[in-house]
Amino acid sequence: MDAQGPAPATEAGHQSLTTSTLNRIAAFRERHAKAEIALFFTAGFVFDVVTLDRIDNWKNLLQQGLYLVVLGGLLLFEQRYRLTGDRPPRALGLLWRFHEDASHFLIGSLLSSFALFFFKSASGISAFIFFVVIFGLLVANELPRFRSLGPVIRYGLYALSLTSFFSYLLPVVFGRIGWWLFVLAVAVSVAPFVLLYRKAVAWAEDRKVALRQVAAPAAAVQLLLLVLYFVGAIPPVPLSLQYIGVFHDVKNVAGQFELSHETPSWKFWERGDQTFRARPGDKVFIFARVFAPMTVGKGNLPIEFRWFYDHPKHGWQPAGSWTYTGLVGGRAEGFRVFATRSDPKPGDYRVEITAPDGREIGRIGFTVVEDHSDEPRVFVVDRG
């Protein structure tokens, strides 16, 4: 057999060019590592915005539940190998090198879903701050410096993920919302950490290590979530306000709601007549579409319209309320409901819609001004 000589010049040149190109790409990625992380994070978040279905979609719920089970398993084995000094089986050795990346991928995917659901349900400054915290953790989860803090951070994020998941899974299952369901969500979320803690004690043979690395971060997160819930800082998932507006009239015509207002179309930032020109005998109609899970039946989930008036001398004062008890879930565009107020006096108002546990679903503000004209009014009619 003839011996092979050196590679032709063209082939060698091609290989050199390919190697050089790959080196330049690797160097470029290293120089712009943070920008690359931001790009992939943004792309992933946008993908979730486009593809994530409604909160009561059982396929999504099962996927998130599976992620939590897998994440719990990764944390359990990571804890075992770290505390005992054992090594994973040879067959898993190569895959185990990527267990931290896999853990943070699962955490990132879960936090992304939670951030979107809480964003849709957030109303008011406190709930918005909670959403910002979730979103901030989602961003931090992508940063190498945050990941380098080790398993304690992952246990804390796992505790947050468990409680966030059960905080809307249980209302979806029961078709109700209440403080007891949130407390139950916390209690259910504690169960996996009991197993992790007991295993850590057995493997480390040191209760202090297990307390510091497993129990402490989980307990701190659960305690913080309970405090935030009872001060109204956690949005009322799975409920969300899809639309709210102020109108001169609302009529249900053969299943279609007709919303009458005077505001011209070029004032696109106003939802109906937020500058309400009132004549004697007028009524203010607050029309809303509230999304609720398909498991919510009539009467299971009363919502309340709370009216407030900005008194010139005493500031914001309660101005009455009305509770609707016929909410039915399942409609993708939200359940349609409205409340009215007759002969409103001039001034600033706001209306808050609240869940049965008192948390705010959404609100709208408007101003009533006197209309002294006797000219015929022309109303624009929208479909609600």
Protein backbone atom coordinates (compact mmCIF):
# COMPACT_ATOMS: atom_id res chain seq x y z
CA MET A 1 0.00 0.00 0.00
CA ASP A 2 1.31 3.38 -0.92
CA ALA A 3 2.11 5.72 1.99
CA GLN A 4 0.02 8.86 2.16
CA GLY A 5 1.80 12.13 1.78
CA PRO A 6 0.98 15.46 3.43
CA ALA A 7 -2.48 16.96 2.85
CA PRO A 8 -2.82 19.04 -0.26
CA ALA A 9 -2.24 22.73 0.23
CA THR A 10 -5.85 23.57 -0.47
CA GLU A 11 -7.12 21.12 2.17
CA ALA A 12 -4.61 22.31 4.75
CA GLY A 13 -5.51 25.88 3.99
CA HIS A 14 -9.20 25.10 4.41
CA GLN A 15 -8.58 23.44 7.78
CA SER A 16 -6.49 26.39 8.94
CA LEU A 17 -9.20 28.81 7.85
CA THR A 18 -11.88 26.82 9.69
CA THR A 19 -9.80 26.66 12.87
CA SER A 20 -9.07 30.37 12.67
CA THR A 21 -12.75 31.18 12.20
CA LEU A 22 -13.76 29.03 15.17
CA ASN A 23 -11.09 30.68 17.32
CA ARG A 24 -12.34 34.13 16.37
CA ILE A 25 -15.91 33.13 17.19
CA ALA A 26 -14.83 31.71 20.57
CA ALA A 27 -12.87 34.88 21.35
CA PHE A 28 -15.82 37.05 20.33
CA ARG A 29 -18.18 35.07 22.60
CA GLU A 30 -15.73 35.37 25.50
CA ARG A 31 -15.48 39.16 25.06
CA HIS A 32 -19.28 39.50 24.94
CA ALA A 33 -20.27 36.80 27.43
CA LYS A 34 -22.73 39.01 29.32
CA ALA A 35 -24.35 40.22 26.10
CA GLU A 36 -24.74 36.60 24.97
CA ILE A 37 -26.42 35.68 28.25
CA ALA A 38 -28.76 38.67 27.91
CA LEU A 39 -29.57 37.75 24.31
CA PHE A 40 -30.43 34.14 25.08
CA PHE A 41 -32.37 35.17 28.19
CA THR A 42 -34.41 37.72 26.23
CA ALA A 43 -35.04 35.27 23.40
CA GLY A 44 -36.18 32.60 25.86
CA PHE A 45 -38.44 35.00 27.71
CA VAL A 46 -40.03 36.24 24.48
CA PHE A 47 -40.51 32.63 23.41
CA ASP A 48 -42.35 31.95 26.67
CA VAL A 49 -44.52 35.04 26.18
CA VAL A 50 -45.57 33.80 22.75
CA THR A 51 -45.96 30.10 23.51
CA LEU A 52 -47.09 29.92 27.15
CA ASP A 53 -50.76 29.01 27.30
CA ARG A 54 -53.39 29.92 29.89
CA ILE A 55 -52.64 29.24 33.51
CA ASP A 56 -55.17 26.39 33.82
CA ASN A 57 -53.78 24.44 30.85
CA TRP A 58 -53.16 20.96 32.26
CA LYS A 59 -50.39 20.23 29.79
CA ASN A 60 -48.43 23.23 31.09
CA LEU A 61 -49.20 22.31 34.69
CA LEU A 62 -47.97 18.74 34.18
CA GLN A 63 -44.80 20.02 32.49
CA GLN A 64 -44.05 22.39 35.35
CA GLY A 65 -44.75 19.63 37.86
CA LEU A 66 -42.34 17.34 36.02
CA TYR A 67 -39.68 20.06 36.03
CA LEU A 68 -40.07 20.40 39.81
CA VAL A 69 -39.73 16.63 40.32
CA VAL A 70 -36.59 16.47 38.14
CA LEU A 71 -35.13 19.54 39.84
CA GLY A 72 -35.76 17.98 43.26
CA GLY A 73 -34.00 14.81 42.12
CA LEU A 74 -30.97 16.75 40.88
CA LEU A 75 -30.72 18.61 44.20
CA LEU A 76 -31.03 15.34 46.11
CA PHE A 77 -28.20 13.60 44.23
CA GLU A 78 -26.05 16.74 44.25
CA GLN A 79 -26.42 16.81 48.02
CA ARG A 80 -25.51 13.12 48.31
CA TYR A 81 -22.34 13.34 46.22
CA ARG A 82 -21.23 16.55 47.94
CA LEU A 83 -21.74 15.33 51.51
CA THR A 84 -20.58 11.72 51.15
CA GLY A 85 -17.77 12.21 48.67
CA ASP A 86 -19.24 9.49 46.46
CA ARG A 87 -19.10 9.78 42.70
CA PRO A 88 -21.95 9.18 40.28
CA PRO A 89 -21.96 5.89 38.33
CA ARG A 90 -19.61 5.84 35.36
CA ALA A 91 -22.55 5.74 32.96
CA LEU A 92 -23.76 9.07 34.36
CA GLY A 93 -20.35 10.64 34.87
CA LEU A 94 -20.36 12.65 31.65
CA LEU A 95 -23.96 13.82 32.04
CA TRP A 96 -23.42 14.73 35.69
CA ARG A 97 -20.90 17.39 34.68
CA PHE A 98 -23.84 19.43 33.45
CA HIS A 99 -26.13 18.97 36.46
CA GLU A 100 -25.70 22.57 37.64
CA ASP A 101 -26.53 23.90 34.18
CA ALA A 102 -29.55 21.59 34.07
CA SER A 103 -30.71 22.79 37.50
CA HIS A 104 -30.48 26.44 36.51
CA PHE A 105 -32.17 25.74 33.18
CA LEU A 106 -35.14 24.18 35.01
CA ILE A 107 -35.21 27.01 37.56
CA GLY A 108 -35.05 29.58 34.76
CA SER A 109 -37.89 27.95 32.85
CA LEU A 110 -40.07 27.77 35.95
CA LEU A 111 -39.33 31.35 37.03
CA SER A 112 -40.07 32.53 33.51
CA SER A 113 -43.53 30.96 33.65
CA PHE A 114 -44.19 32.30 37.15
CA ALA A 115 -43.05 35.80 36.16
CA LEU A 116 -45.46 35.84 33.23
CA PHE A 117 -48.41 34.55 35.23
CA PHE A 118 -47.77 36.97 38.08
CA PHE A 119 -47.30 39.83 35.61
CA LYS A 120 -50.72 39.12 34.09
CA SER A 121 -52.28 39.03 37.56
CA ALA A 122 -50.31 41.86 39.19
CA SER A 123 -52.13 45.06 40.13
CA GLY A 124 -51.06 47.79 42.49
CA ILE A 125 -47.56 48.77 43.53
CA SER A 126 -46.98 45.95 46.03
CA ALA A 127 -47.95 43.19 43.57
CA PHE A 128 -45.86 44.88 40.89
CA ILE A 129 -42.86 44.88 43.23
CA PHE A 130 -43.32 41.14 43.79
CA PHE A 131 -43.33 40.61 40.03
CA VAL A 132 -40.13 42.68 39.73
CA VAL A 133 -38.49 40.50 42.41
CA ILE A 134 -39.44 37.31 40.52
CA PHE A 135 -38.19 38.81 37.27
CA GLY A 136 -34.96 39.93 38.97
CA LEU A 137 -34.33 36.40 40.24
CA LEU A 138 -34.99 35.11 36.74
CA VAL A 139 -32.29 37.44 35.38
CA ALA A 140 -29.88 36.68 38.24
CA ASN A 141 -30.27 32.96 37.63
CA GLU A 142 -28.54 33.47 34.28
CA LEU A 143 -25.47 35.21 35.77
CA PRO A 144 -22.31 33.18 36.55
CA ARG A 145 -21.63 35.13 39.75
CA PHE A 146 -25.09 34.26 41.10
CA ARG A 147 -24.70 30.61 40.16
CA SER A 148 -21.33 30.46 41.94
CA LEU A 149 -23.07 31.00 45.29
CA GLY A 150 -23.78 27.29 45.25
CA PRO A 151 -26.55 24.94 46.39
CA VAL A 152 -27.94 27.23 49.09
CA ILE A 153 -29.21 29.57 46.37
CA ARG A 154 -30.65 26.65 44.42
CA TYR A 155 -32.52 25.42 47.50
CA GLY A 156 -33.97 28.90 48.03
CA LEU A 157 -35.07 29.15 44.40
CA TYR A 158 -36.50 25.64 44.55
CA ALA A 159 -38.59 26.62 47.58
CA LEU A 160 -39.83 29.71 45.74
CA SER A 161 -40.66 27.63 42.66
CA LEU A 162 -42.59 25.03 44.64
CA THR A 163 -44.75 27.54 46.48
CA SER A 164 -45.36 29.64 43.36
CA PHE A 165 -46.51 26.53 41.49
CA PHE A 166 -48.86 25.28 44.21
CA SER A 167 -50.19 28.80 44.85
CA TYR A 168 -52.03 28.65 41.53
CA LEU A 169 -52.33 24.87 41.05
CA LEU A 170 -54.50 24.46 44.17
CA PRO A 171 -56.96 27.26 43.22
CA VAL A 172 -57.19 25.72 39.74
CA VAL A 173 -57.95 22.30 41.26
CA PHE A 174 -60.45 23.55 43.85
CA GLY A 175 -61.95 26.39 41.79
CA ARG A 176 -61.62 28.72 44.75
CA ILE A 177 -59.28 31.32 46.23
CA GLY A 178 -58.58 31.84 49.92
CA TRP A 179 -55.86 32.30 52.49
CA TRP A 180 -56.14 28.66 53.54
CA LEU A 181 -55.22 27.54 50.03
CA PHE A 182 -52.04 29.62 50.09
CA VAL A 183 -51.12 28.24 53.52
CA LEU A 184 -51.78 24.76 52.13
CA ALA A 185 -49.49 25.55 49.16
CA VAL A 186 -46.71 26.47 51.60
CA ALA A 187 -47.31 23.30 53.61
CA VAL A 188 -47.19 21.09 50.51
CA SER A 189 -44.00 22.84 49.38
CA VAL A 190 -42.32 22.06 52.70
CA ALA A 191 -42.74 18.29 52.22
CA PRO A 192 -39.86 17.81 49.68
CA PHE A 193 -37.54 19.75 51.98
CA VAL A 194 -38.32 17.41 54.87
CA LEU A 195 -36.93 14.58 52.71
CA LEU A 196 -33.92 16.64 51.59
CA TYR A 197 -33.18 17.66 55.17
CA ARG A 198 -33.41 14.12 56.55
CA LYS A 199 -31.15 12.81 53.80
CA ALA A 200 -28.65 15.61 54.44
CA VAL A 201 -28.53 14.73 58.14
CA ALA A 202 -27.92 11.06 57.33
CA TRP A 203 -25.23 11.75 54.74
CA ALA A 204 -23.41 14.58 56.52
CA GLU A 205 -23.87 13.15 60.01
CA ASP A 206 -24.06 16.79 61.06
CA ARG A 207 -27.41 18.41 61.78
CA LYS A 208 -25.94 21.92 61.59
CA VAL A 209 -24.82 21.40 57.99
CA ALA A 210 -28.30 20.20 57.00
CA LEU A 211 -29.93 23.13 58.78
CA ARG A 212 -27.64 25.70 57.19
CA GLN A 213 -27.66 24.38 53.64
CA VAL A 214 -31.17 22.94 53.26
CA ALA A 215 -33.64 23.89 55.97
CA ALA A 216 -32.61 27.53 56.51
CA PRO A 217 -32.96 28.80 52.91
CA ALA A 218 -36.27 26.93 52.45
CA ALA A 219 -37.71 28.20 55.75
CA ALA A 220 -36.62 31.78 55.02
CA VAL A 221 -38.30 31.76 51.61
CA GLN A 222 -41.54 30.22 52.91
CA LEU A 223 -41.74 32.66 55.82
CA LEU A 224 -41.15 35.61 53.50
CA LEU A 225 -43.86 34.40 51.10
CA LEU A 226 -46.36 34.07 53.94
CA VAL A 227 -45.63 37.64 55.06
CA LEU A 228 -45.93 38.95 51.50
CA TYR A 229 -49.23 37.14 51.01
CA PHE A 230 -50.87 38.57 54.14
CA VAL A 231 -49.77 42.13 53.28
CA GLY A 232 -51.31 41.72 49.81
CA ALA A 233 -48.04 41.79 47.87
CA ILE A 234 -48.56 38.52 45.99
CA PRO A 235 -50.86 38.83 42.95
CA PRO A 236 -54.13 36.82 43.10
CA VAL A 237 -53.16 34.12 40.60
CA PRO A 238 -54.86 32.38 38.85
CA LEU A 239 -57.23 35.36 38.47
CA SER A 240 -56.27 38.17 36.11
CA LEU A 241 -57.94 41.32 34.84
CA GLN A 242 -57.89 41.28 31.05
CA TYR A 243 -59.74 44.55 30.52
CA ILE A 244 -61.46 47.34 32.45
CA GLY A 245 -63.08 50.55 31.20
CA VAL A 246 -65.50 53.38 32.05
CA PHE A 247 -68.65 53.81 29.95
CA HIS A 248 -71.93 55.70 29.71
CA ASP A 249 -73.87 52.54 28.99
CA VAL A 250 -73.37 48.78 28.81
CA LYS A 251 -75.94 46.50 27.17
CA ASN A 252 -75.99 42.74 26.65
CA VAL A 253 -77.46 42.21 23.19
CA ALA A 254 -77.81 38.53 22.28
CA GLY A 255 -74.65 37.62 24.16
CA GLN A 256 -72.65 40.57 22.82
CA PHE A 257 -71.85 43.47 25.14
CA GLU A 258 -72.23 46.94 23.64
CA LEU A 259 -70.12 49.59 25.39
CA SER A 260 -71.12 53.21 24.77
CA HIS A 261 -68.66 56.07 25.26
CA GLU A 262 -67.88 59.57 23.96
CA THR A 263 -64.08 59.37 23.90
CA PRO A 264 -62.74 59.75 20.33
CA SER A 265 -60.63 56.95 18.90
CA TRP A 266 -57.48 59.08 18.77
CA LYS A 267 -57.35 59.05 22.59
CA PHE A 268 -56.15 55.47 22.43
CA TRP A 269 -54.64 55.61 25.92
CA GLU A 270 -58.07 56.03 27.58
CA ARG A 271 -60.28 53.04 28.29
CA GLY A 272 -63.72 54.37 27.56
CA ASP A 273 -64.78 57.64 29.21
CA GLN A 274 -62.11 58.06 31.86
CA THR A 275 -62.98 61.73 31.54
CA PHE A 276 -66.67 61.22 32.19
CA ARG A 277 -68.87 64.11 31.04
CA ALA A 278 -71.91 63.78 33.28
CA ARG A 279 -75.42 65.10 32.76
CA PRO A 280 -78.30 64.74 35.25
CA GLY A 281 -79.54 61.14 35.32
CA ASP A 282 -76.34 59.64 33.94
CA LYS A 283 -74.86 56.40 35.24
CA VAL A 284 -71.21 55.41 35.32
CA PHE A 285 -70.66 51.87 34.07
CA ILE A 286 -67.45 50.02 35.01
CA PHE A 287 -67.06 47.11 32.60
CA ALA A 288 -64.45 44.41 33.18
CA ARG A 289 -63.31 41.08 31.82
CA VAL A 290 -61.85 38.84 34.53
CA PHE A 291 -60.11 35.58 33.66
CA ALA A 292 -60.74 32.66 36.00
CA PRO A 293 -59.84 28.97 35.60
CA MET A 294 -62.35 26.66 33.96
CA THR A 295 -62.88 24.93 37.33
CA VAL A 296 -64.52 28.05 38.77
CA GLY A 297 -68.28 27.56 38.88
CA LYS A 298 -71.05 30.09 39.49
CA GLY A 299 -70.96 31.31 43.07
CA ASN A 300 -67.61 29.72 43.95
CA LEU A 301 -65.60 32.89 43.46
CA PRO A 302 -67.30 36.18 44.39
CA ILE A 303 -65.51 39.34 43.28
CA GLU A 304 -66.06 42.81 44.71
CA PHE A 305 -66.15 46.24 43.08
CA ARG A 306 -64.93 48.84 45.59
CA TRP A 307 -65.56 52.52 44.80
CA PHE A 308 -63.43 55.36 46.18
CA TYR A 309 -63.88 59.13 45.91
CA ASP A 310 -61.12 61.71 46.29
CA HIS A 311 -62.70 64.14 48.76
CA PRO A 312 -61.33 67.69 48.38
CA LYS A 313 -60.63 67.91 52.14
CA HIS A 314 -60.28 64.36 53.38
CA GLY A 315 -58.55 62.59 50.50
CA TRP A 316 -59.56 59.16 49.23
CA GLN A 317 -62.69 57.88 50.94
CA PRO A 318 -64.69 54.63 50.46
CA ALA A 319 -67.76 55.32 48.34
CA GLY A 320 -69.58 51.99 48.40
CA SER A 321 -69.06 48.49 47.07
CA TRP A 322 -70.86 45.76 45.17
CA THR A 323 -70.18 42.03 45.15
CA TYR A 324 -70.80 39.80 42.15
CA THR A 325 -71.35 36.12 42.95
CA GLY A 326 -72.01 34.65 39.50
CA LEU A 327 -68.48 34.50 38.10
CA VAL A 328 -67.87 31.53 35.80
CA GLY A 329 -64.39 30.52 34.66
CA GLY A 330 -63.00 29.11 31.46
CA ARG A 331 -63.60 31.89 28.94
CA ALA A 332 -60.25 32.75 27.32
CA GLU A 333 -61.20 36.42 26.90
CA GLY A 334 -62.37 36.65 30.52
CA PHE A 335 -65.77 36.64 32.20
CA ARG A 336 -67.67 39.86 31.47
CA VAL A 337 -69.17 41.79 34.37
CA PHE A 338 -70.05 45.41 35.12
CA ALA A 339 -71.05 47.67 38.02
CA THR A 340 -72.87 51.00 37.97
CA ARG A 341 -73.18 54.24 39.93
CA SER A 342 -76.00 56.76 39.42
CA ASP A 343 -75.63 60.56 39.30
CA PRO A 344 -71.94 60.72 40.28
CA LYS A 345 -70.82 64.07 41.67
CA PRO A 346 -67.86 65.82 40.02
CA GLY A 347 -64.39 64.74 41.11
CA ASP A 348 -61.85 61.94 40.92
CA TYR A 349 -62.80 58.31 41.46
CA ARG A 350 -61.18 54.93 41.37
CA VAL A 351 -62.69 51.47 41.32
CA GLU A 352 -60.83 48.41 42.58
CA ILE A 353 -61.84 44.84 41.78
CA THR A 354 -60.80 42.41 44.50
CA ALA A 355 -60.67 38.64 44.92
CA PRO A 356 -62.51 36.83 47.74
CA ASP A 357 -59.41 37.03 49.95
CA GLY A 358 -59.20 40.81 49.49
CA ARG A 359 -56.26 40.90 47.10
CA GLU A 360 -56.62 43.34 44.25
CA ILE A 361 -57.29 41.94 40.77
CA GLY A 362 -57.24 45.34 39.06
CA ARG A 363 -58.34 48.96 39.20
CA ILE A 364 -59.20 51.99 37.11
CA GLY A 365 -59.35 55.71 37.82
CA PHE A 366 -61.58 58.31 36.19
CA THR A 367 -62.72 61.90 36.57
CA VAL A 368 -66.32 63.11 36.49
CA VAL A 369 -66.90 66.60 35.05
CA GLU A 370 -70.23 68.35 34.66
CA ASP A 371 -71.62 68.61 31.14
CA HIS A 372 -73.90 71.66 30.92
CA SER A 373 -74.58 71.28 27.20
CA ASP A 374 -78.00 70.28 25.96
CA GLU A 375 -76.78 69.25 22.53
CA PRO A 376 -77.57 65.67 21.44
CA ARG A 377 -74.73 63.31 22.31
CA VAL A 378 -73.21 60.91 19.83
CA PHE A 379 -71.81 57.76 21.40
CA VAL A 380 -69.23 55.37 20.01
CA VAL A 381 -70.23 51.74 20.54
CA ASP A 382 -67.52 49.11 21.12
CA ARG A 383 -67.89 45.38 21.52
CA GLY A 384 -66.92 44.01 24.88
